[in-house]
Amino acid sequence: MKILIVDDEAEIRRVLELLLSGSGYETLTAEDGERASTILERERDIDLCIMDIMMPRLSGVEATRRIRKFSSVPILFLSAKSLSQDKALAYSSGGDDYIVKPFSASELLMKVEAMIRRYNSYSQKEIEADEGVRLAGGITVNTEKREVRRNGIRIELRDKEIDVLIYLVKNRGRCIGSSELYEAVWGEMPLPSSGNNITVHILNLRRKLEENMASPRIIRTVWGRGYQID
């Protein structure tokens, strides 16, 4: 994870660098908002920006307004200003959170971790909504559009096949029994013969999706329990 530290005081930059690097983060630094804006426009893999407010050339608030024109990177304001109007101005410029100097190391690290986690989770959801959930073998499943592709090429599935696949994808990482799968997809109480119906649909999906049916990588059988997508 990469964090940009923006502060005109070299000592504060040094302290934050030591604190964050000691917690496993990669750090970059900037001495003012002008430099921060330039770095963020160039370095698109930065996960968080810690931004001072009172700085020469371009303040943290002004820099954030500029940054928001091209980036949604989370911005944590770090300032000695603690009045509510100062915080309101910072948030209205596009900031995501605010911490007042002096601050405790534990409070800062908790905010940093939470902000990065939320940002990465949101970014992943955006990717999945647009491109689909990525599985093994170059397979993507777009649950909203009900589309399945291999390396960008659409794979035609029947309605119930895509229903089965989507249910497994939405429960990724959990073993789904045949009875649960049948009830969820067909909307009926499972009968003794329902398991055979599920088996047929899983086999059809594997024929269309798996590169090697003898060793399936996408839909895994958990013997005696059901099926799972990892």
Protein backbone atom coordinates (compact mmCIF):
# COMPACT_ATOMS: atom_id res chain seq x y z
CA MET A 1 0.00 0.00 0.00
CA LYS A 2 1.34 3.41 -0.98
CA ILE A 3 0.67 6.63 0.97
CA LEU A 4 1.49 10.21 -0.01
CA ILE A 5 2.43 12.46 2.94
CA VAL A 6 1.91 16.18 2.29
CA ASP A 7 3.22 18.69 4.85
CA ASP A 8 5.44 21.75 4.68
CA GLU A 9 7.21 20.78 7.92
CA ALA A 10 10.07 18.37 7.25
CA GLU A 11 9.97 17.00 10.80
CA ILE A 12 6.31 16.01 10.51
CA ARG A 13 6.98 14.34 7.16
CA ARG A 14 9.85 12.41 8.74
CA VAL A 15 7.77 11.29 11.75
CA LEU A 16 4.90 10.14 9.52
CA GLU A 17 7.29 8.32 7.21
CA LEU A 18 8.79 6.40 10.13
CA LEU A 19 5.38 5.58 11.59
CA LEU A 20 3.84 4.42 8.32
CA SER A 21 6.85 2.57 6.94
CA GLY A 22 7.15 0.80 10.30
CA SER A 23 3.59 -0.46 9.75
CA GLY A 24 4.40 -1.82 6.31
CA TYR A 25 3.29 1.08 4.10
CA GLU A 26 5.29 2.51 1.22
CA THR A 27 5.52 6.30 1.45
CA LEU A 28 6.03 9.29 -0.81
CA THR A 29 6.31 12.89 0.40
CA ALA A 30 5.47 16.37 -0.83
CA GLU A 31 6.19 19.72 0.80
CA ASP A 32 3.12 21.56 -0.53
CA GLY A 33 -0.20 21.13 -2.31
CA GLU A 34 1.23 21.99 -5.73
CA ARG A 35 3.73 19.15 -5.54
CA ALA A 36 1.09 16.77 -4.11
CA SER A 37 -1.26 17.44 -7.03
CA THR A 38 1.53 16.76 -9.53
CA ILE A 39 2.48 13.48 -7.84
CA LEU A 40 -1.10 12.21 -7.63
CA GLU A 41 -1.75 12.98 -11.28
CA ARG A 42 1.35 11.03 -12.24
CA GLU A 43 1.26 8.17 -9.68
CA ARG A 44 -2.15 6.52 -10.04
CA ASP A 45 -1.38 3.62 -7.65
CA ILE A 46 -1.40 5.72 -4.46
CA ASP A 47 -3.90 4.35 -1.93
CA LEU A 48 -4.15 7.32 0.45
CA CYS A 49 -3.06 10.95 0.80
CA ILE A 50 -2.39 12.51 4.23
CA MET A 51 -2.76 16.23 3.64
CA ASP A 52 -1.81 19.21 5.82
CA ILE A 53 -4.05 22.26 5.37
CA MET A 54 -1.85 25.31 5.96
CA MET A 55 0.93 25.13 3.36
CA PRO A 56 2.69 27.59 1.02
CA ARG A 57 2.06 27.80 -2.73
CA LEU A 58 -1.14 25.73 -2.58
CA SER A 59 -3.03 24.93 0.60
CA GLY A 60 -4.39 21.47 1.40
CA VAL A 61 -7.95 22.59 0.71
CA GLU A 62 -7.05 24.15 -2.65
CA ALA A 63 -4.95 21.12 -3.59
CA THR A 64 -7.81 18.76 -2.75
CA ARG A 65 -10.20 20.69 -5.00
CA ARG A 66 -7.70 20.35 -7.83
CA ILE A 67 -7.04 16.65 -7.12
CA ARG A 68 -10.76 15.82 -7.12
CA LYS A 69 -10.91 16.80 -10.79
CA PHE A 70 -8.89 13.71 -11.73
CA SER A 71 -8.67 11.37 -8.71
CA SER A 72 -10.89 9.80 -6.03
CA VAL A 73 -7.95 8.80 -3.81
CA PRO A 74 -8.92 9.04 -0.10
CA ILE A 75 -7.60 12.23 1.54
CA LEU A 76 -7.02 12.42 5.28
CA PHE A 77 -6.57 15.99 6.47
CA LEU A 78 -3.98 16.55 9.19
CA SER A 79 -4.22 19.98 10.78
CA ALA A 80 -3.75 22.00 13.96
CA LYS A 81 -7.07 23.71 13.15
CA SER A 82 -9.86 22.15 15.20
CA LEU A 83 -12.81 24.51 14.73
CA SER A 84 -15.93 23.06 13.13
CA GLN A 85 -15.83 25.58 10.27
CA ASP A 86 -12.28 24.50 9.41
CA LYS A 87 -13.39 20.87 9.26
CA ALA A 88 -16.45 21.77 7.22
CA LEU A 89 -14.27 23.58 4.68
CA ALA A 90 -11.92 20.61 4.46
CA TYR A 91 -14.75 18.13 3.91
CA SER A 92 -16.52 20.33 1.37
CA SER A 93 -13.34 20.52 -0.70
CA GLY A 94 -13.39 16.74 -1.13
CA GLY A 95 -11.60 15.45 1.96
CA ASP A 96 -12.65 12.10 3.44
CA ASP A 97 -11.54 12.39 7.06
CA TYR A 98 -9.86 14.79 9.48
CA ILE A 99 -7.42 14.39 12.36
CA VAL A 100 -6.21 17.20 14.61
CA LYS A 101 -2.57 17.80 15.59
CA PRO A 102 -1.19 16.67 17.96
CA PHE A 103 -2.41 13.17 17.24
CA SER A 104 -1.69 9.73 18.65
CA ALA A 105 0.08 7.18 16.47
CA SER A 106 -2.59 4.56 17.16
CA GLU A 107 -5.43 6.90 16.12
CA LEU A 108 -3.69 7.83 12.89
CA LEU A 109 -2.92 4.22 11.98
CA MET A 110 -6.50 3.14 12.67
CA LYS A 111 -7.87 5.88 10.42
CA VAL A 112 -5.35 5.05 7.68
CA GLU A 113 -6.18 1.35 7.74
CA ALA A 114 -9.94 1.94 7.74
CA MET A 115 -9.80 4.47 4.89
CA ILE A 116 -7.64 2.26 2.67
CA ARG A 117 -9.86 -0.75 3.36
CA ARG A 118 -13.03 1.16 2.44
CA TYR A 119 -11.44 2.63 -0.69
CA ASN A 120 -10.12 -0.69 -1.97
CA SER A 121 -13.42 -2.41 -1.24
CA TYR A 122 -15.33 0.28 -3.13
CA SER A 123 -12.87 0.17 -6.05
CA GLN A 124 -13.21 -3.60 -6.31
CA LYS A 125 -17.00 -3.33 -6.37
CA GLU A 126 -16.76 -0.78 -9.19
CA ILE A 127 -14.53 -3.14 -11.19
CA GLU A 128 -16.86 -6.08 -10.63
CA ALA A 129 -19.94 -4.04 -11.58
CA ASP A 130 -18.27 -2.91 -14.80
CA GLU A 131 -16.16 -5.89 -15.89
CA GLY A 132 -17.53 -8.79 -13.86
CA VAL A 133 -16.15 -11.10 -11.21
CA ARG A 134 -12.87 -12.64 -12.34
CA LEU A 135 -12.45 -16.40 -12.04
CA ALA A 136 -9.77 -18.86 -13.12
CA GLY A 137 -9.00 -19.49 -16.79
CA GLY A 138 -9.75 -15.96 -17.94
CA ILE A 139 -13.44 -16.29 -17.03
CA THR A 140 -15.43 -13.21 -15.91
CA VAL A 141 -19.01 -13.29 -14.69
CA ASN A 142 -21.02 -10.08 -14.79
CA THR A 143 -23.92 -10.80 -12.44
CA GLU A 144 -25.75 -7.58 -13.35
CA LYS A 145 -25.66 -8.11 -17.11
CA ARG A 146 -25.86 -11.93 -16.76
CA GLU A 147 -22.87 -12.29 -19.07
CA VAL A 148 -20.01 -14.76 -18.96
CA ARG A 149 -16.83 -14.22 -20.95
CA ARG A 150 -13.51 -15.97 -21.46
CA ASN A 151 -10.72 -13.51 -22.25
CA GLY A 152 -13.36 -11.03 -23.44
CA ILE A 153 -15.24 -13.47 -25.68
CA ARG A 154 -18.82 -14.13 -24.63
CA ILE A 155 -19.84 -17.68 -23.68
CA GLU A 156 -23.47 -18.56 -24.33
CA LEU A 157 -25.21 -20.18 -21.37
CA ARG A 158 -28.81 -21.24 -20.85
CA ASP A 159 -30.91 -19.32 -18.33
CA LYS A 160 -30.72 -21.92 -15.58
CA GLU A 161 -26.99 -22.44 -16.17
CA ILE A 162 -26.30 -18.75 -15.66
CA ASP A 163 -28.63 -18.77 -12.62
CA VAL A 164 -26.64 -21.61 -11.05
CA LEU A 165 -23.34 -19.94 -11.83
CA ILE A 166 -24.42 -16.55 -10.48
CA TYR A 167 -25.64 -18.09 -7.21
CA LEU A 168 -22.28 -19.81 -6.74
CA VAL A 169 -20.41 -16.61 -7.60
CA LYS A 170 -22.45 -14.56 -5.14
CA ASN A 171 -21.61 -17.13 -2.46
CA ARG A 172 -17.98 -17.36 -3.48
CA GLY A 173 -15.83 -19.13 -0.92
CA ARG A 174 -18.77 -21.05 0.60
CA CYS A 175 -19.76 -24.64 -0.17
CA ILE A 176 -23.33 -24.79 -1.50
CA GLY A 177 -25.27 -28.03 -1.15
CA SER A 178 -27.42 -29.35 -3.99
CA SER A 179 -30.64 -28.80 -2.00
CA GLU A 180 -29.83 -25.14 -1.28
CA LEU A 181 -28.78 -24.55 -4.89
CA TYR A 182 -31.96 -26.13 -6.26
CA GLU A 183 -34.24 -24.19 -3.92
CA ALA A 184 -32.46 -20.89 -4.69
CA VAL A 185 -32.44 -21.30 -8.49
CA TRP A 186 -35.69 -23.19 -9.15
CA GLY A 187 -37.62 -21.64 -6.27
CA GLU A 188 -39.04 -25.02 -5.24
CA MET A 189 -38.54 -27.44 -2.39
CA PRO A 190 -35.95 -30.02 -3.49
CA LEU A 191 -37.08 -33.57 -4.28
CA PRO A 192 -34.95 -36.73 -4.18
CA SER A 193 -34.35 -36.32 -7.93
CA SER A 194 -33.33 -32.65 -7.66
CA GLY A 195 -29.70 -33.57 -7.05
CA ASN A 196 -29.50 -35.15 -10.50
CA ASN A 197 -30.79 -31.93 -12.06
CA ILE A 198 -28.04 -29.95 -10.30
CA THR A 199 -25.40 -32.48 -11.38
CA VAL A 200 -26.43 -32.13 -15.03
CA HIS A 201 -26.26 -28.33 -14.90
CA ILE A 202 -22.85 -28.38 -13.18
CA LEU A 203 -21.54 -30.75 -15.87
CA ASN A 204 -22.88 -28.49 -18.62
CA LEU A 205 -21.24 -25.46 -17.00
CA ARG A 206 -17.93 -27.28 -16.74
CA ARG A 207 -18.07 -28.28 -20.40
CA LYS A 208 -18.47 -24.63 -21.36
CA LEU A 209 -16.17 -23.02 -18.79
CA GLU A 210 -13.43 -25.40 -17.71
CA GLU A 211 -10.25 -25.92 -19.69
CA ASN A 212 -9.88 -29.42 -18.21
CA MET A 213 -13.08 -31.07 -16.97
CA ALA A 214 -11.07 -33.82 -15.27
CA SER A 215 -9.49 -31.17 -13.05
CA PRO A 216 -12.00 -28.32 -12.69
CA ARG A 217 -10.61 -24.99 -11.47
CA ILE A 218 -13.76 -22.87 -11.52
CA ILE A 219 -16.55 -24.95 -9.96
CA ARG A 220 -15.03 -27.26 -7.38
CA THR A 221 -16.80 -30.33 -5.98
CA VAL A 222 -16.63 -30.65 -2.20
CA TRP A 223 -17.31 -34.35 -1.88
CA GLY A 224 -20.36 -35.19 0.19
CA ARG A 225 -21.26 -31.53 0.67
CA GLY A 226 -21.80 -29.69 -2.63
CA TYR A 227 -20.09 -27.21 -4.94
CA GLN A 228 -17.91 -24.16 -4.42
CA ILE A 229 -16.29 -21.34 -6.39
CA ASP A 230 -13.13 -20.06 -4.68
